[in-house]
Amino acid sequence: MAYTVAHPHKKRTGDDFIRCVQLNLQHSRPATDNLNHFITKANMDIAFIQEPYVYQNLVRGISRMCWIFTSGHGKKSAAIVVTNETIEVLLINQLSE
């Protein structure tokens, strides 16, 4: 499911939206490949992922052009993928599990 969120400090125009998608990949490599294709085709800015594809305790299969944020020391059960380089992101480990 894809979401569009208005930028809170700007008047709405066509370029003031952050395009987001949220999905569960069920630890699947083919689903991750489909996500990469969808992010590119739909011009998504942020992907919120449950059960990402993980190999050797790292989220794998996501384009290297993206920032991937995870937290915790065990198996990664969620990730946030930011594809838009104009969005400033900060991971706060104390508030993440």
PDB file of N, CA and C in Angstrom:
ATOM      1  N   MET A   1       0.838  -1.156   0.000  1.00  0.00           N
ATOM      2  CA  MET A   1       0.000   0.000   0.000  1.00  0.00           C
ATOM      3  C   MET A   1       0.894   1.232   0.000  1.00  0.00           C
ATOM      4  N   ALA A   2       0.615   2.211  -0.833  1.00  0.00           N
ATOM      5  CA  ALA A   2       1.413   3.430  -0.924  1.00  0.00           C
ATOM      6  C   ALA A   2       0.671   4.586  -0.277  1.00  0.00           C
ATOM      7  N   TYR A   3       1.438   5.472   0.333  1.00  0.00           N
ATOM      8  CA  TYR A   3       0.888   6.644   0.991  1.00  0.00           C
ATOM      9  C   TYR A   3       1.559   7.887   0.438  1.00  0.00           C
ATOM     10  N   THR A   4       0.831   9.006   0.462  1.00  0.00           N
ATOM     11  CA  THR A   4       1.404  10.288   0.121  1.00  0.00           C
ATOM     12  C   THR A   4       1.201  11.209   1.306  1.00  0.00           C
ATOM     13  N   VAL A   5       2.274  11.831   1.783  1.00  0.00           N
ATOM     14  CA  VAL A   5       2.228  12.673   2.965  1.00  0.00           C
ATOM     15  C   VAL A   5       2.648  14.084   2.575  1.00  0.00           C
ATOM     16  N   ALA A   6       1.840  15.072   2.960  1.00  0.00           N
ATOM     17  CA  ALA A   6       2.178  16.458   2.642  1.00  0.00           C
ATOM     18  C   ALA A   6       3.311  16.941   3.527  1.00  0.00           C
ATOM     19  N   HIS A   7       4.185  17.756   2.977  1.00  0.00           N
ATOM     20  CA  HIS A   7       5.252  18.371   3.758  1.00  0.00           C
ATOM     21  C   HIS A   7       4.608  19.363   4.715  1.00  0.00           C
ATOM     22  N   PRO A   8       4.916  19.330   6.021  1.00  0.00           N
ATOM     23  CA  PRO A   8       4.202  20.129   7.007  1.00  0.00           C
ATOM     24  C   PRO A   8       4.469  21.626   6.948  1.00  0.00           C
ATOM     25  N   HIS A   9       5.553  22.068   6.305  1.00  0.00           N
ATOM     26  CA  HIS A   9       5.915  23.482   6.345  1.00  0.00           C
ATOM     27  C   HIS A   9       5.726  24.201   5.015  1.00  0.00           C
ATOM     28  N   LYS A  10       5.080  23.588   4.075  1.00  0.00           N
ATOM     29  CA  LYS A  10       4.922  24.203   2.770  1.00  0.00           C
ATOM     30  C   LYS A  10       3.470  24.187   2.341  1.00  0.00           C
ATOM     31  N   LYS A  11       3.126  25.143   1.502  1.00  0.00           N
ATOM     32  CA  LYS A  11       1.819  25.128   0.866  1.00  0.00           C
ATOM     33  C   LYS A  11       1.805  23.988  -0.151  1.00  0.00           C
ATOM     34  N   ARG A  12       0.697  23.298  -0.256  1.00  0.00           N
ATOM     35  CA  ARG A  12       0.638  22.124  -1.125  1.00  0.00           C
ATOM     36  C   ARG A  12       0.747  22.479  -2.602  1.00  0.00           C
ATOM     37  N   THR A  13       1.708  21.859  -3.252  1.00  0.00           N
ATOM     38  CA  THR A  13       1.826  21.866  -4.701  1.00  0.00           C
ATOM     39  C   THR A  13       2.208  20.445  -5.093  1.00  0.00           C
ATOM     40  N   GLY A  14       2.369  20.192  -6.352  1.00  0.00           N
ATOM     41  CA  GLY A  14       2.672  18.844  -6.802  1.00  0.00           C
ATOM     42  C   GLY A  14       3.982  18.268  -6.288  1.00  0.00           C
ATOM     43  N   ASP A  15       4.957  19.120  -5.918  1.00  0.00           N
ATOM     44  CA  ASP A  15       6.271  18.650  -5.497  1.00  0.00           C
ATOM     45  C   ASP A  15       6.452  18.593  -3.987  1.00  0.00           C
ATOM     46  N   ASP A  16       5.403  18.885  -3.219  1.00  0.00           N
ATOM     47  CA  ASP A  16       5.521  18.982  -1.768  1.00  0.00           C
ATOM     48  C   ASP A  16       5.131  17.705  -1.040  1.00  0.00           C
ATOM     49  N   PHE A  17       5.125  16.595  -1.708  1.00  0.00           N
ATOM     50  CA  PHE A  17       4.671  15.369  -1.095  1.00  0.00           C
ATOM     51  C   PHE A  17       5.815  14.376  -0.951  1.00  0.00           C
ATOM     52  N   ILE A  18       5.739  13.604   0.119  1.00  0.00           N
ATOM     53  CA  ILE A  18       6.668  12.503   0.320  1.00  0.00           C
ATOM     54  C   ILE A  18       5.891  11.232   0.020  1.00  0.00           C
ATOM     55  N   ARG A  19       6.357  10.462  -0.930  1.00  0.00           N
ATOM     56  CA  ARG A  19       5.655   9.236  -1.324  1.00  0.00           C
ATOM     57  C   ARG A  19       6.232   8.068  -0.528  1.00  0.00           C
ATOM     58  N   CYS A  20       5.349   7.392   0.223  1.00  0.00           N
ATOM     59  CA  CYS A  20       5.755   6.307   1.120  1.00  0.00           C
ATOM     60  C   CYS A  20       5.024   5.020   0.768  1.00  0.00           C
ATOM     61  N   VAL A  21       5.690   3.914   1.056  1.00  0.00           N
ATOM     62  CA  VAL A  21       5.076   2.609   0.897  1.00  0.00           C
ATOM     63  C   VAL A  21       5.405   1.781   2.146  1.00  0.00           C
ATOM     64  N   GLN A  22       4.441   0.969   2.571  1.00  0.00           N
ATOM     65  CA  GLN A  22       4.628   0.097   3.734  1.00  0.00           C
ATOM     66  C   GLN A  22       4.267  -1.310   3.303  1.00  0.00           C
ATOM     67  N   LEU A  23       5.154  -2.281   3.607  1.00  0.00           N
ATOM     68  CA  LEU A  23       4.859  -3.651   3.216  1.00  0.00           C
ATOM     69  C   LEU A  23       5.654  -4.660   4.033  1.00  0.00           C
ATOM     70  N   ASN A  24       5.196  -5.889   3.996  1.00  0.00           N
ATOM     71  CA  ASN A  24       5.848  -7.006   4.659  1.00  0.00           C
ATOM     72  C   ASN A  24       6.473  -7.879   3.573  1.00  0.00           C
ATOM     73  N   LEU A  25       7.790  -8.018   3.599  1.00  0.00           N
ATOM     74  CA  LEU A  25       8.495  -8.799   2.580  1.00  0.00           C
ATOM     75  C   LEU A  25       8.594 -10.276   2.924  1.00  0.00           C
ATOM     76  N   GLN A  26       8.221 -10.674   4.126  1.00  0.00           N
ATOM     77  CA  GLN A  26       8.253 -12.058   4.578  1.00  0.00           C
ATOM     78  C   GLN A  26       9.620 -12.708   4.324  1.00  0.00           C
ATOM     79  N   HIS A  27      10.686 -11.938   4.512  1.00  0.00           N
ATOM     80  CA  HIS A  27      12.071 -12.411   4.361  1.00  0.00           C
ATOM     81  C   HIS A  27      12.356 -12.972   2.968  1.00  0.00           C
ATOM     82  N   SER A  28      11.644 -12.509   1.964  1.00  0.00           N
ATOM     83  CA  SER A  28      11.732 -13.070   0.621  1.00  0.00           C
ATOM     84  C   SER A  28      12.618 -12.229  -0.297  1.00  0.00           C
ATOM     85  N   ARG A  29      13.557 -12.883  -0.955  1.00  0.00           N
ATOM     86  CA  ARG A  29      14.408 -12.198  -1.930  1.00  0.00           C
ATOM     87  C   ARG A  29      13.602 -11.750  -3.156  1.00  0.00           C
ATOM     88  N   PRO A  30      12.707 -12.593  -3.722  1.00  0.00           N
ATOM     89  CA  PRO A  30      11.896 -12.123  -4.862  1.00  0.00           C
ATOM     90  C   PRO A  30      11.003 -10.927  -4.493  1.00  0.00           C
ATOM     91  N   ALA A  31      10.458 -10.915  -3.293  1.00  0.00           N
ATOM     92  CA  ALA A  31       9.645  -9.770  -2.867  1.00  0.00           C
ATOM     93  C   ALA A  31      10.503  -8.512  -2.763  1.00  0.00           C
ATOM     94  N   THR A  32      11.751  -8.665  -2.324  1.00  0.00           N
ATOM     95  CA  THR A  32      12.675  -7.534  -2.245  1.00  0.00           C
ATOM     96  C   THR A  32      12.994  -7.011  -3.641  1.00  0.00           C
ATOM     97  N   ASP A  33      13.189  -7.900  -4.591  1.00  0.00           N
ATOM     98  CA  ASP A  33      13.421  -7.487  -5.975  1.00  0.00           C
ATOM     99  C   ASP A  33      12.222  -6.717  -6.516  1.00  0.00           C
ATOM    100  N   ASN A  34      11.014  -7.192  -6.205  1.00  0.00           N
ATOM    101  CA  ASN A  34       9.798  -6.487  -6.627  1.00  0.00           C
ATOM    102  C   ASN A  34       9.709  -5.109  -5.979  1.00  0.00           C
ATOM    103  N   LEU A  35      10.110  -5.016  -4.715  1.00  0.00           N
ATOM    104  CA  LEU A  35      10.124  -3.721  -4.027  1.00  0.00           C
ATOM    105  C   LEU A  35      11.054  -2.748  -4.736  1.00  0.00           C
ATOM    106  N   ASN A  36      12.257  -3.184  -5.087  1.00  0.00           N
ATOM    107  CA  ASN A  36      13.196  -2.314  -5.808  1.00  0.00           C
ATOM    108  C   ASN A  36      12.586  -1.790  -7.102  1.00  0.00           C
ATOM    109  N   HIS A  37      11.936  -2.669  -7.836  1.00  0.00           N
ATOM    110  CA  HIS A  37      11.291  -2.274  -9.092  1.00  0.00           C
ATOM    111  C   HIS A  37      10.172  -1.265  -8.819  1.00  0.00           C
ATOM    112  N   PHE A  38       9.345  -1.529  -7.806  1.00  0.00           N
ATOM    113  CA  PHE A  38       8.229  -0.647  -7.484  1.00  0.00           C
ATOM    114  C   PHE A  38       8.712   0.728  -7.028  1.00  0.00           C
ATOM    115  N   ILE A  39       9.758   0.761  -6.176  1.00  0.00           N
ATOM    116  CA  ILE A  39      10.296   2.031  -5.686  1.00  0.00           C
ATOM    117  C   ILE A  39      10.739   2.902  -6.860  1.00  0.00           C
ATOM    118  N   THR A  40      11.394   2.288  -7.831  1.00  0.00           N
ATOM    119  CA  THR A  40      11.873   3.035  -8.997  1.00  0.00           C
ATOM    120  C   THR A  40      10.718   3.485  -9.877  1.00  0.00           C
ATOM    121  N   LYS A  41       9.819   2.581 -10.187  1.00  0.00           N
ATOM    122  CA  LYS A  41       8.717   2.880 -11.099  1.00  0.00           C
ATOM    123  C   LYS A  41       7.745   3.907 -10.507  1.00  0.00           C
ATOM    124  N   ALA A  42       7.425   3.778  -9.214  1.00  0.00           N
ATOM    125  CA  ALA A  42       6.442   4.660  -8.578  1.00  0.00           C
ATOM    126  C   ALA A  42       7.100   5.890  -7.946  1.00  0.00           C
ATOM    127  N   ASN A  43       8.425   6.006  -8.066  1.00  0.00           N
ATOM    128  CA  ASN A  43       9.155   7.149  -7.530  1.00  0.00           C
ATOM    129  C   ASN A  43       8.892   7.342  -6.032  1.00  0.00           C
ATOM    130  N   MET A  44       9.010   6.248  -5.278  1.00  0.00           N
ATOM    131  CA  MET A  44       8.787   6.287  -3.830  1.00  0.00           C
ATOM    132  C   MET A  44       9.971   6.957  -3.135  1.00  0.00           C
ATOM    133  N   ASP A  45       9.680   7.676  -2.045  1.00  0.00           N
ATOM    134  CA  ASP A  45      10.716   8.344  -1.261  1.00  0.00           C
ATOM    135  C   ASP A  45      11.149   7.510  -0.059  1.00  0.00           C
ATOM    136  N   ILE A  46      10.188   6.843   0.582  1.00  0.00           N
ATOM    137  CA  ILE A  46      10.458   6.076   1.798  1.00  0.00           C
ATOM    138  C   ILE A  46       9.684   4.769   1.746  1.00  0.00           C
ATOM    139  N   ALA A  47      10.336   3.673   2.167  1.00  0.00           N
ATOM    140  CA  ALA A  47       9.659   2.376   2.300  1.00  0.00           C
ATOM    141  C   ALA A  47       9.798   1.917   3.744  1.00  0.00           C
ATOM    142  N   PHE A  48       8.676   1.579   4.361  1.00  0.00           N
ATOM    143  CA  PHE A  48       8.645   1.031   5.713  1.00  0.00           C
ATOM    144  C   PHE A  48       8.443  -0.470   5.569  1.00  0.00           C
ATOM    145  N   ILE A  49       9.423  -1.260   5.994  1.00  0.00           N
ATOM    146  CA  ILE A  49       9.431  -2.695   5.700  1.00  0.00           C
ATOM    147  C   ILE A  49       9.398  -3.516   6.981  1.00  0.00           C
ATOM    148  N   GLN A  50       8.497  -4.489   6.998  1.00  0.00           N
ATOM    149  CA  GLN A  50       8.514  -5.519   8.024  1.00  0.00           C
ATOM    150  C   GLN A  50       9.094  -6.779   7.388  1.00  0.00           C
ATOM    151  N   GLU A  51       9.785  -7.567   8.197  1.00  0.00           N
ATOM    152  CA  GLU A  51      10.389  -8.824   7.777  1.00  0.00           C
ATOM    153  C   GLU A  51      11.209  -8.677   6.485  1.00  0.00           C
ATOM    154  N   PRO A  52      12.239  -7.807   6.493  1.00  0.00           N
ATOM    155  CA  PRO A  52      13.064  -7.659   5.293  1.00  0.00           C
ATOM    156  C   PRO A  52      13.889  -8.917   5.026  1.00  0.00           C
ATOM    157  N   TYR A  53      14.382  -9.027   3.798  1.00  0.00           N
ATOM    158  CA  TYR A  53      15.292 -10.104   3.443  1.00  0.00           C
ATOM    159  C   TYR A  53      16.621  -9.837   4.143  1.00  0.00           C
ATOM    160  N   VAL A  54      17.066 -10.781   4.974  1.00  0.00           N
ATOM    161  CA  VAL A  54      18.270 -10.611   5.781  1.00  0.00           C
ATOM    162  C   VAL A  54      19.230 -11.763   5.504  1.00  0.00           C
ATOM    163  N   TYR A  55      20.506 -11.420   5.313  1.00  0.00           N
ATOM    164  CA  TYR A  55      21.554 -12.425   5.157  1.00  0.00           C
ATOM    165  C   TYR A  55      22.729 -11.961   6.000  1.00  0.00           C
ATOM    166  N   GLN A  56      23.265 -12.846   6.824  1.00  0.00           N
ATOM    167  CA  GLN A  56      24.361 -12.542   7.745  1.00  0.00           C
ATOM    168  C   GLN A  56      24.050 -11.304   8.583  1.00  0.00           C
ATOM    169  N   ASN A  57      22.814 -11.262   9.065  1.00  0.00           N
ATOM    170  CA  ASN A  57      22.315 -10.224   9.965  1.00  0.00           C
ATOM    171  C   ASN A  57      22.308  -8.811   9.358  1.00  0.00           C
ATOM    172  N   LEU A  58      22.302  -8.721   8.026  1.00  0.00           N
ATOM    173  CA  LEU A  58      22.186  -7.438   7.345  1.00  0.00           C
ATOM    174  C   LEU A  58      21.048  -7.491   6.343  1.00  0.00           C
ATOM    175  N   VAL A  59      20.319  -6.386   6.209  1.00  0.00           N
ATOM    176  CA  VAL A  59      19.261  -6.300   5.205  1.00  0.00           C
ATOM    177  C   VAL A  59      19.937  -6.304   3.841  1.00  0.00           C
ATOM    178  N   ARG A  60      19.500  -7.202   2.976  1.00  0.00           N
ATOM    179  CA  ARG A  60      20.127  -7.371   1.658  1.00  0.00           C
ATOM    180  C   ARG A  60      19.102  -7.168   0.547  1.00  0.00           C
ATOM    181  N   GLY A  61      19.615  -6.944  -0.653  1.00  0.00           N
ATOM    182  CA  GLY A  61      18.774  -6.882  -1.837  1.00  0.00           C
ATOM    183  C   GLY A  61      18.218  -5.510  -2.158  1.00  0.00           C
ATOM    184  N   ILE A  62      18.410  -4.537  -1.268  1.00  0.00           N
ATOM    185  CA  ILE A  62      17.941  -3.184  -1.513  1.00  0.00           C
ATOM    186  C   ILE A  62      19.038  -2.433  -2.273  1.00  0.00           C
ATOM    187  N   SER A  63      18.638  -1.606  -3.200  1.00  0.00           N
ATOM    188  CA  SER A  63      19.587  -0.846  -4.001  1.00  0.00           C
ATOM    189  C   SER A  63      20.588  -0.096  -3.128  1.00  0.00           C
ATOM    190  N   ARG A  64      21.837  -0.065  -3.562  1.00  0.00           N
ATOM    191  CA  ARG A  64      22.878   0.653  -2.819  1.00  0.00           C
ATOM    192  C   ARG A  64      22.705   2.167  -2.898  1.00  0.00           C
ATOM    193  N   MET A  65      21.777   2.625  -3.725  1.00  0.00           N
ATOM    194  CA  MET A  65      21.486   4.054  -3.838  1.00  0.00           C
ATOM    195  C   MET A  65      20.571   4.528  -2.706  1.00  0.00           C
ATOM    196  N   CYS A  66      20.128   3.608  -1.866  1.00  0.00           N
ATOM    197  CA  CYS A  66      19.186   3.921  -0.785  1.00  0.00           C
ATOM    198  C   CYS A  66      19.895   3.893   0.564  1.00  0.00           C
ATOM    199  N   TRP A  67      19.341   4.641   1.510  1.00  0.00           N
ATOM    200  CA  TRP A  67      19.776   4.535   2.900  1.00  0.00           C
ATOM    201  C   TRP A  67      18.866   3.531   3.577  1.00  0.00           C
ATOM    202  N   ILE A  68      19.451   2.580   4.308  1.00  0.00           N
ATOM    203  CA  ILE A  68      18.684   1.560   5.015  1.00  0.00           C
ATOM    204  C   ILE A  68      18.911   1.747   6.505  1.00  0.00           C
ATOM    205  N   PHE A  69      17.823   1.901   7.251  1.00  0.00           N
ATOM    206  CA  PHE A  69      17.900   2.095   8.686  1.00  0.00           C
ATOM    207  C   PHE A  69      17.274   0.906   9.399  1.00  0.00           C
ATOM    208  N   THR A  70      18.042   0.291  10.300  1.00  0.00           N
ATOM    209  CA  THR A  70      17.552  -0.794  11.144  1.00  0.00           C
ATOM    210  C   THR A  70      18.056  -0.523  12.550  1.00  0.00           C
ATOM    211  N   SER A  71      17.561  -1.279  13.500  1.00  0.00           N
ATOM    212  CA  SER A  71      18.018  -1.110  14.863  1.00  0.00           C
ATOM    213  C   SER A  71      18.062  -2.464  15.537  1.00  0.00           C
ATOM    214  N   GLY A  72      18.848  -2.571  16.589  1.00  0.00           N
ATOM    215  CA  GLY A  72      18.936  -3.818  17.341  1.00  0.00           C
ATOM    216  C   GLY A  72      20.137  -4.643  16.926  1.00  0.00           C
ATOM    217  N   HIS A  73      20.460  -5.616  17.779  1.00  0.00           N
ATOM    218  CA  HIS A  73      21.633  -6.447  17.541  1.00  0.00           C
ATOM    219  C   HIS A  73      21.278  -7.820  16.991  1.00  0.00           C
ATOM    220  N   GLY A  74      20.044  -8.253  17.166  1.00  0.00           N
ATOM    221  CA  GLY A  74      19.637  -9.566  16.693  1.00  0.00           C
ATOM    222  C   GLY A  74      19.166  -9.499  15.249  1.00  0.00           C
ATOM    223  N   LYS A  75      18.351 -10.478  14.889  1.00  0.00           N
ATOM    224  CA  LYS A  75      17.803 -10.536  13.540  1.00  0.00           C
ATOM    225  C   LYS A  75      16.945  -9.308  13.271  1.00  0.00           C
ATOM    226  N   LYS A  76      17.147  -8.686  12.136  1.00  0.00           N
ATOM    227  CA  LYS A  76      16.433  -7.468  11.779  1.00  0.00           C
ATOM    228  C   LYS A  76      15.000  -7.811  11.377  1.00  0.00           C
ATOM    229  N   SER A  77      14.025  -7.283  12.116  1.00  0.00           N
ATOM    230  CA  SER A  77      12.631  -7.581  11.822  1.00  0.00           C
ATOM    231  C   SER A  77      11.928  -6.426  11.120  1.00  0.00           C
ATOM    232  N   ALA A  78      12.587  -5.274  11.018  1.00  0.00           N
ATOM    233  CA  ALA A  78      12.000  -4.121  10.335  1.00  0.00           C
ATOM    234  C   ALA A  78      13.113  -3.232   9.805  1.00  0.00           C
ATOM    235  N   ALA A  79      12.778  -2.442   8.793  1.00  0.00           N
ATOM    236  CA  ALA A  79      13.735  -1.512   8.212  1.00  0.00           C
ATOM    237  C   ALA A  79      12.988  -0.336   7.609  1.00  0.00           C
ATOM    238  N   ILE A  80      13.661   0.784   7.564  1.00  0.00           N
ATOM    239  CA  ILE A  80      13.162   1.954   6.853  1.00  0.00           C
ATOM    240  C   ILE A  80      14.167   2.238   5.751  1.00  0.00           C
ATOM    241  N   VAL A  81      13.678   2.335   4.528  1.00  0.00           N
ATOM    242  CA  VAL A  81      14.523   2.569   3.366  1.00  0.00           C
ATOM    243  C   VAL A  81      14.179   3.950   2.815  1.00  0.00           C
ATOM    244  N   VAL A  82      15.175   4.814   2.737  1.00  0.00           N
ATOM    245  CA  VAL A  82      14.976   6.165   2.215  1.00  0.00           C
ATOM    246  C   VAL A  82      15.677   6.258   0.869  1.00  0.00           C
ATOM    247  N   THR A  83      14.914   6.593  -0.155  1.00  0.00           N
ATOM    248  CA  THR A  83      15.457   6.655  -1.509  1.00  0.00           C
ATOM    249  C   THR A  83      15.683   8.077  -1.983  1.00  0.00           C
ATOM    250  N   ASN A  84      15.079   9.047  -1.331  1.00  0.00           N
ATOM    251  CA  ASN A  84      15.165  10.448  -1.732  1.00  0.00           C
ATOM    252  C   ASN A  84      16.294  11.119  -0.961  1.00  0.00           C
ATOM    253  N   GLU A  85      17.333  11.539  -1.648  1.00  0.00           N
ATOM    254  CA  GLU A  85      18.499  12.116  -0.981  1.00  0.00           C
ATOM    255  C   GLU A  85      18.252  13.505  -0.403  1.00  0.00           C
ATOM    256  N   THR A  86      17.119  14.126  -0.737  1.00  0.00           N
ATOM    257  CA  THR A  86      16.815  15.448  -0.178  1.00  0.00           C
ATOM    258  C   THR A  86      16.129  15.359   1.180  1.00  0.00           C
ATOM    259  N   ILE A  87      15.750  14.168   1.593  1.00  0.00           N
ATOM    260  CA  ILE A  87      15.116  13.978   2.902  1.00  0.00           C
ATOM    261  C   ILE A  87      16.207  13.733   3.933  1.00  0.00           C
ATOM    262  N   GLU A  88      16.220  14.563   4.958  1.00  0.00           N
ATOM    263  CA  GLU A  88      17.201  14.400   6.029  1.00  0.00           C
ATOM    264  C   GLU A  88      16.644  13.428   7.057  1.00  0.00           C
ATOM    265  N   VAL A  89      17.429  12.393   7.373  1.00  0.00           N
ATOM    266  CA  VAL A  89      16.971  11.332   8.258  1.00  0.00           C
ATOM    267  C   VAL A  89      17.985  11.134   9.376  1.00  0.00           C
ATOM    268  N   LEU A  90      17.475  10.879  10.564  1.00  0.00           N
ATOM    269  CA  LEU A  90      18.334  10.611  11.720  1.00  0.00           C
ATOM    270  C   LEU A  90      17.747   9.434  12.477  1.00  0.00           C
ATOM    271  N   LEU A  91      18.525   8.379  12.660  1.00  0.00           N
ATOM    272  CA  LEU A  91      18.096   7.231  13.447  1.00  0.00           C
ATOM    273  C   LEU A  91      18.401   7.500  14.914  1.00  0.00           C
ATOM    274  N   ILE A  92      17.383   7.412  15.756  1.00  0.00           N
ATOM    275  CA  ILE A  92      17.555   7.594  17.192  1.00  0.00           C
ATOM    276  C   ILE A  92      17.453   6.209  17.825  1.00  0.00           C
ATOM    277  N   ASN A  93      18.601   5.610  18.104  1.00  0.00           N
ATOM    278  CA  ASN A  93      18.648   4.233  18.603  1.00  0.00           C
ATOM    279  C   ASN A  93      17.889   4.050  19.903  1.00  0.00           C
ATOM    280  N   GLN A  94      17.876   5.055  20.774  1.00  0.00           N
ATOM    281  CA  GLN A  94      17.206   4.953  22.055  1.00  0.00           C
ATOM    282  C   GLN A  94      15.690   4.815  21.902  1.00  0.00           C
ATOM    283  N   LEU A  95      15.147   5.220  20.749  1.00  0.00           N
ATOM    284  CA  LEU A  95      13.710   5.129  20.508  1.00  0.00           C
ATOM    285  C   LEU A  95      13.360   4.048  19.502  1.00  0.00           C
ATOM    286  N   SER A  96      14.330   3.223  19.133  1.00  0.00           N
ATOM    287  CA  SER A  96      14.119   2.183  18.126  1.00  0.00           C
ATOM    288  C   SER A  96      14.401   0.814  18.709  1.00  0.00           C
ATOM    289  N   GLU A  97      13.627  -0.155  18.278  1.00  0.00           N
ATOM    290  CA  GLU A  97      13.837  -1.546  18.705  1.00  0.00           C
ATOM    291  C   GLU A  97      14.068  -2.419  17.494  1.00  0.00           C
TER     292      GLU A  97
END
